[in-house]
Amino acid sequence: MSQAALAQASELIVKTRARVTPARVNILAVLLTAQRPLSHQDVLAALEPEADRVTVYRVLDWLTDMGLAHKLSGDDRVWRFSVASAPHQHAHFQCTSCGRFYCLEHVSTDLSLTVPAKFLVNAVEITVKGVCADCLNKGEE
């Protein structure tokens, strides 16, 4: 884990005015350096030394509650987490073969939505489904 990611994670947690703990810092640093949304298992695998799986679940939920992480669910019912941009305004690509998610930073999420009277939209999530490059390449071998 890079010192820059650890420092950035610590700084983000300090801004919440919550307690800065090694578990929170390390898990947020993993998300900060990830190139795609990560499952609980992905986060566990990235942590050194090994962390308690229940602690990882709790910290990921805490990061989400504090607005530091964004949580999305795939068709496989596995939650995946990424660092929350404020607000989280990009689409995702989900591979229907391996289940991995990828952030699509340059896909516009600006939609003109009309909802019934007295309805309030909190968030719009766009997920594009298909097969990722890794899975396509595996199929060619």
Protein backbone atom coordinates (compact mmCIF):
# COMPACT_ATOMS: atom_id res chain seq x y z
CA MET A 1 0.00 0.00 0.00
CA SER A 2 1.44 3.35 -0.94
CA GLN A 3 2.09 5.95 1.74
CA ALA A 4 0.21 8.49 -0.40
CA ALA A 5 -2.95 6.34 -0.38
CA LEU A 6 -2.68 5.80 3.38
CA ALA A 7 -2.23 9.54 3.97
CA GLN A 8 -5.16 10.41 1.71
CA ALA A 9 -7.37 7.81 3.43
CA SER A 10 -6.44 9.16 6.85
CA GLU A 11 -7.18 12.73 5.76
CA LEU A 12 -10.61 11.75 4.39
CA ILE A 13 -11.51 9.98 7.63
CA VAL A 14 -10.35 12.95 9.74
CA LYS A 15 -12.79 15.14 7.78
CA THR A 16 -15.67 12.97 9.02
CA ARG A 17 -14.68 13.85 12.62
CA ALA A 18 -14.81 10.14 13.42
CA ARG A 19 -12.08 8.09 15.00
CA VAL A 20 -9.20 7.29 12.69
CA THR A 21 -8.42 3.58 13.08
CA PRO A 22 -5.86 1.45 11.24
CA ALA A 23 -8.64 -0.73 9.78
CA ARG A 24 -10.55 2.27 8.40
CA VAL A 25 -7.40 3.80 6.93
CA ASN A 26 -6.16 0.56 5.36
CA ILE A 27 -9.51 -0.40 3.84
CA LEU A 28 -10.17 3.08 2.45
CA ALA A 29 -6.62 3.12 1.03
CA VAL A 30 -7.36 -0.18 -0.75
CA LEU A 31 -10.44 1.41 -2.34
CA LEU A 32 -8.49 4.55 -3.26
CA THR A 33 -5.91 2.52 -5.19
CA ALA A 34 -8.38 0.12 -6.82
CA GLN A 35 -9.01 0.41 -10.53
CA ARG A 36 -12.53 -0.99 -10.18
CA PRO A 37 -15.20 -1.52 -7.51
CA LEU A 38 -14.12 -4.28 -5.12
CA SER A 39 -16.05 -7.01 -3.36
CA HIS A 40 -15.50 -7.80 0.31
CA GLN A 41 -13.30 -10.73 -0.77
CA ASP A 42 -11.26 -8.46 -3.07
CA VAL A 43 -10.64 -6.05 -0.18
CA LEU A 44 -9.66 -8.90 2.13
CA ALA A 45 -7.20 -10.21 -0.46
CA ALA A 46 -5.62 -6.76 -0.87
CA LEU A 47 -5.02 -6.19 2.84
CA GLU A 48 -1.63 -6.96 4.37
CA PRO A 49 -1.44 -8.19 7.03
CA GLU A 50 -4.62 -10.20 6.80
CA ALA A 51 -7.65 -8.54 8.40
CA ASP A 52 -10.65 -9.97 10.18
CA ARG A 53 -13.46 -10.45 7.67
CA VAL A 54 -16.14 -9.11 10.06
CA THR A 55 -14.08 -5.97 10.63
CA VAL A 56 -13.82 -5.49 6.87
CA TYR A 57 -17.62 -5.82 6.51
CA ARG A 58 -18.17 -3.30 9.29
CA VAL A 59 -15.65 -0.81 7.94
CA LEU A 60 -17.05 -1.04 4.40
CA ASP A 61 -20.55 -0.35 5.76
CA TRP A 62 -19.17 2.52 7.86
CA LEU A 63 -17.37 4.03 4.85
CA THR A 64 -20.62 3.82 2.89
CA ASP A 65 -22.64 5.39 5.72
CA MET A 66 -20.10 8.22 5.97
CA GLY A 67 -20.27 8.89 2.23
CA LEU A 68 -16.65 7.85 1.65
CA ALA A 69 -17.56 4.74 -0.33
CA HIS A 70 -20.22 3.87 -2.84
CA LYS A 71 -21.86 0.44 -2.73
CA LEU A 72 -23.45 -1.35 -5.65
CA SER A 73 -24.92 -4.78 -6.10
CA GLY A 74 -24.41 -7.07 -9.04
CA ASP A 75 -26.68 -9.75 -10.40
CA ASP A 76 -24.71 -12.20 -8.25
CA ARG A 77 -25.97 -10.34 -5.12
CA VAL A 78 -22.42 -9.48 -4.11
CA TRP A 79 -21.85 -5.91 -2.91
CA ARG A 80 -18.94 -4.07 -4.48
CA PHE A 81 -17.40 -0.89 -3.12
CA SER A 82 -15.57 2.04 -4.64
CA VAL A 83 -14.47 5.42 -3.38
CA ALA A 84 -17.40 7.79 -3.52
CA SER A 85 -17.00 10.82 -5.68
CA ALA A 86 -19.17 13.66 -4.49
CA PRO A 87 -21.73 13.07 -5.83
CA HIS A 88 -21.21 9.65 -7.42
CA GLN A 89 -21.89 10.59 -11.02
CA HIS A 90 -20.63 7.93 -13.36
CA ALA A 91 -21.88 4.70 -14.85
CA HIS A 92 -20.57 1.19 -14.28
CA PHE A 93 -19.87 -1.76 -16.53
CA GLN A 94 -20.60 -5.23 -15.14
CA CYS A 95 -19.10 -8.25 -16.83
CA THR A 96 -21.78 -10.91 -17.17
CA SER A 97 -19.09 -13.59 -17.37
CA CYS A 98 -16.86 -12.91 -14.33
CA GLY A 99 -19.12 -10.50 -12.40
CA ARG A 100 -16.48 -7.77 -12.03
CA PHE A 101 -17.49 -4.12 -12.13
CA TYR A 102 -15.60 -1.29 -13.80
CA CYS A 103 -16.19 2.45 -13.39
CA LEU A 104 -17.09 4.24 -16.61
CA GLU A 105 -15.92 7.72 -15.64
CA HIS A 106 -16.58 9.26 -19.06
CA VAL A 107 -20.13 8.01 -19.57
CA SER A 108 -22.62 10.77 -18.88
CA THR A 109 -25.25 10.09 -16.25
CA ASP A 110 -27.14 13.29 -16.98
CA LEU A 111 -30.67 12.11 -17.60
CA SER A 112 -33.86 14.04 -17.90
CA LEU A 113 -36.10 12.16 -15.48
CA THR A 114 -39.75 12.68 -14.81
CA VAL A 115 -41.06 11.05 -11.68
CA PRO A 116 -44.57 11.15 -10.24
CA ALA A 117 -45.59 14.11 -8.08
CA LYS A 118 -44.26 14.01 -4.51
CA PHE A 119 -41.51 11.52 -5.46
CA LEU A 120 -37.92 12.46 -4.65
CA VAL A 121 -34.98 11.02 -6.58
CA ASN A 122 -31.94 10.38 -4.36
CA ALA A 123 -29.70 8.66 -6.87
CA VAL A 124 -29.58 7.26 -10.36
CA GLU A 125 -27.40 4.25 -11.06
CA ILE A 126 -26.49 3.22 -14.59
CA THR A 127 -25.00 -0.22 -15.14
CA VAL A 128 -23.97 -1.36 -18.60
CA LYS A 129 -23.74 -5.14 -18.89
CA GLY A 130 -21.55 -7.12 -21.23
CA VAL A 131 -18.31 -9.09 -21.34
CA CYS A 132 -15.01 -7.52 -20.20
CA ALA A 133 -11.79 -7.65 -22.20
CA ASP A 134 -10.23 -10.29 -19.90
CA CYS A 135 -13.14 -12.67 -20.39
CA LEU A 136 -13.24 -12.04 -24.12
CA ASN A 137 -9.53 -12.85 -24.37
CA LYS A 138 -10.02 -16.07 -22.38
CA GLY A 139 -12.65 -17.12 -24.91
CA GLU A 140 -10.19 -16.66 -27.78
CA GLU A 141 -7.57 -19.00 -26.28
